[in-house]
Protein backbone atom coordinates (compact mmCIF):
# COMPACT_ATOMS: atom_id res chain seq x y z
CA MET A 1 -47.75 122.27 -29.07
CA SER A 2 -49.98 120.21 -26.84
CA ASN A 3 -50.41 120.07 -23.07
CA LYS A 4 -52.50 117.32 -21.52
CA ILE A 5 -53.19 115.56 -18.24
CA LYS A 6 -53.81 111.81 -18.21
CA ILE A 7 -54.81 109.67 -15.23
CA GLY A 8 -55.74 106.00 -15.22
CA ALA A 9 -55.41 102.51 -13.81
CA LYS A 10 -54.44 99.07 -15.13
CA GLY A 11 -55.39 95.66 -13.79
CA THR A 12 -53.56 92.49 -14.86
CA TYR A 13 -54.17 88.81 -14.16
CA THR A 14 -50.75 87.22 -13.65
CA GLY A 15 -51.58 83.59 -12.96
CA ALA A 16 -50.84 82.10 -16.39
CA ILE A 17 -48.57 82.33 -19.42
CA VAL A 18 -51.13 84.57 -21.14
CA LYS A 19 -51.78 87.65 -18.98
CA PRO A 20 -55.02 89.50 -19.79
CA TYR A 21 -55.31 93.13 -18.72
CA LEU A 22 -57.77 96.01 -18.60
CA ARG A 23 -56.72 99.65 -18.59
CA VAL A 24 -58.99 102.69 -18.21
CA CYS A 25 -57.96 106.32 -18.20
CA PHE A 26 -59.22 109.86 -18.54
CA GLU A 27 -57.33 112.41 -20.64
CA GLN A 28 -57.80 116.20 -20.60
CA GLU A 29 -56.25 118.16 -23.48
CA LEU A 30 -55.51 121.65 -22.15
CA ASP A 31 -54.48 123.56 -25.28
CA GLY A 32 -53.76 121.71 -28.49
CA LYS A 33 -53.67 123.94 -31.57
CA VAL A 34 -52.73 122.93 -35.09
CA LYS A 35 -51.38 125.57 -37.47
CA ALA A 36 -50.41 125.14 -41.12
CA ALA A 37 -49.53 127.06 -44.27
CA ILE A 38 -49.53 126.09 -47.93
CA GLN A 39 -46.90 127.30 -50.38
CA ASP A 40 -47.85 127.38 -54.05
CA GLY A 41 -45.48 127.18 -57.03
CA ARG A 42 -44.98 130.98 -57.08
CA ASP A 43 -43.58 131.08 -53.51
CA LYS A 44 -46.79 132.51 -52.12
CA LEU A 45 -47.85 131.37 -48.63
CA SER A 46 -51.50 130.86 -47.82
CA GLY A 47 -52.55 130.45 -44.20
CA MET A 48 -55.01 127.77 -43.17
CA SER A 49 -57.46 128.02 -40.32
CA SER A 50 -56.24 126.40 -37.12
CA SER A 51 -58.11 123.65 -35.32
CA SER A 52 -58.16 122.77 -31.64
CA SER A 53 -58.02 119.39 -29.93
CA LYS A 54 -58.95 120.88 -26.52
CA GLY A 55 -61.34 118.66 -24.54
CA SER A 56 -61.59 115.41 -22.61
CA THR A 57 -61.49 111.77 -23.70
CA ALA A 58 -62.16 108.51 -21.83
CA ILE A 59 -60.09 105.52 -22.99
CA ALA A 60 -60.65 101.82 -22.28
CA GLU A 61 -58.14 99.16 -23.34
CA LEU A 62 -58.51 95.39 -23.24
CA GLY A 63 -55.57 93.18 -24.11
CA ALA A 64 -53.39 90.22 -23.37
CA SER A 65 -49.65 89.68 -23.25
CA ALA A 66 -47.58 86.51 -23.27
CA LYS A 67 -43.91 85.59 -22.98
CA VAL A 68 -42.83 82.26 -24.41
CA TRP A 69 -39.12 81.52 -24.45
CA LYS A 70 -37.54 84.58 -26.19
CA LEU A 71 -40.77 85.87 -27.75
CA ASP A 72 -42.97 88.61 -26.21
CA VAL A 73 -46.42 89.15 -27.75
CA ASP A 74 -48.93 91.85 -26.81
CA LEU A 75 -52.37 92.21 -28.46
CA SER A 76 -54.80 94.95 -27.42
CA GLY A 77 -57.77 97.03 -28.51
CA GLN A 78 -58.58 100.56 -27.40
CA GLY A 79 -61.87 102.46 -27.45
CA TYR A 80 -62.16 106.26 -27.25
CA ILE A 81 -65.17 108.41 -26.34
CA GLY A 82 -65.30 112.17 -25.85
CA LYS A 83 -63.24 114.64 -27.89
CA ARG A 84 -61.51 111.73 -29.65
CA LYS A 85 -63.83 108.95 -30.83
CA GLY A 86 -63.12 105.56 -32.33
CA ILE A 87 -61.34 102.27 -31.87
CA THR A 88 -57.77 101.15 -32.49
CA GLY A 89 -55.84 97.92 -32.16
CA THR A 90 -52.22 97.11 -31.45
CA LEU A 91 -50.08 94.03 -32.02
CA LYS A 92 -46.52 94.04 -30.66
CA ILE A 93 -44.08 91.19 -31.19
CA LYS A 94 -40.58 91.28 -29.74
CA TYR A 95 -37.90 88.62 -30.13
CA THR A 96 -34.92 88.82 -27.78
CA PHE A 97 -31.59 87.46 -29.04
């Protein structure tokens, strides 16, 4: 179970077919615990130590979206610093019939 608070803002330029945007947010994980157990072939359960994802993370996202005829395309990259660290990317394509 995880409880978190997330607050942020997004700015978009809407003057063209391609709409670039920038999103920034701050996320506070209040109590995220992971629990697990392993069962061997003799039906014996072994407990594993739990880990916590409690902490704060700042997230910045830069992307662009476009709608041409019946096709929606969104391309973005996200960067994380704080408790979660790293980068991710997203490509979404949607065709409407």
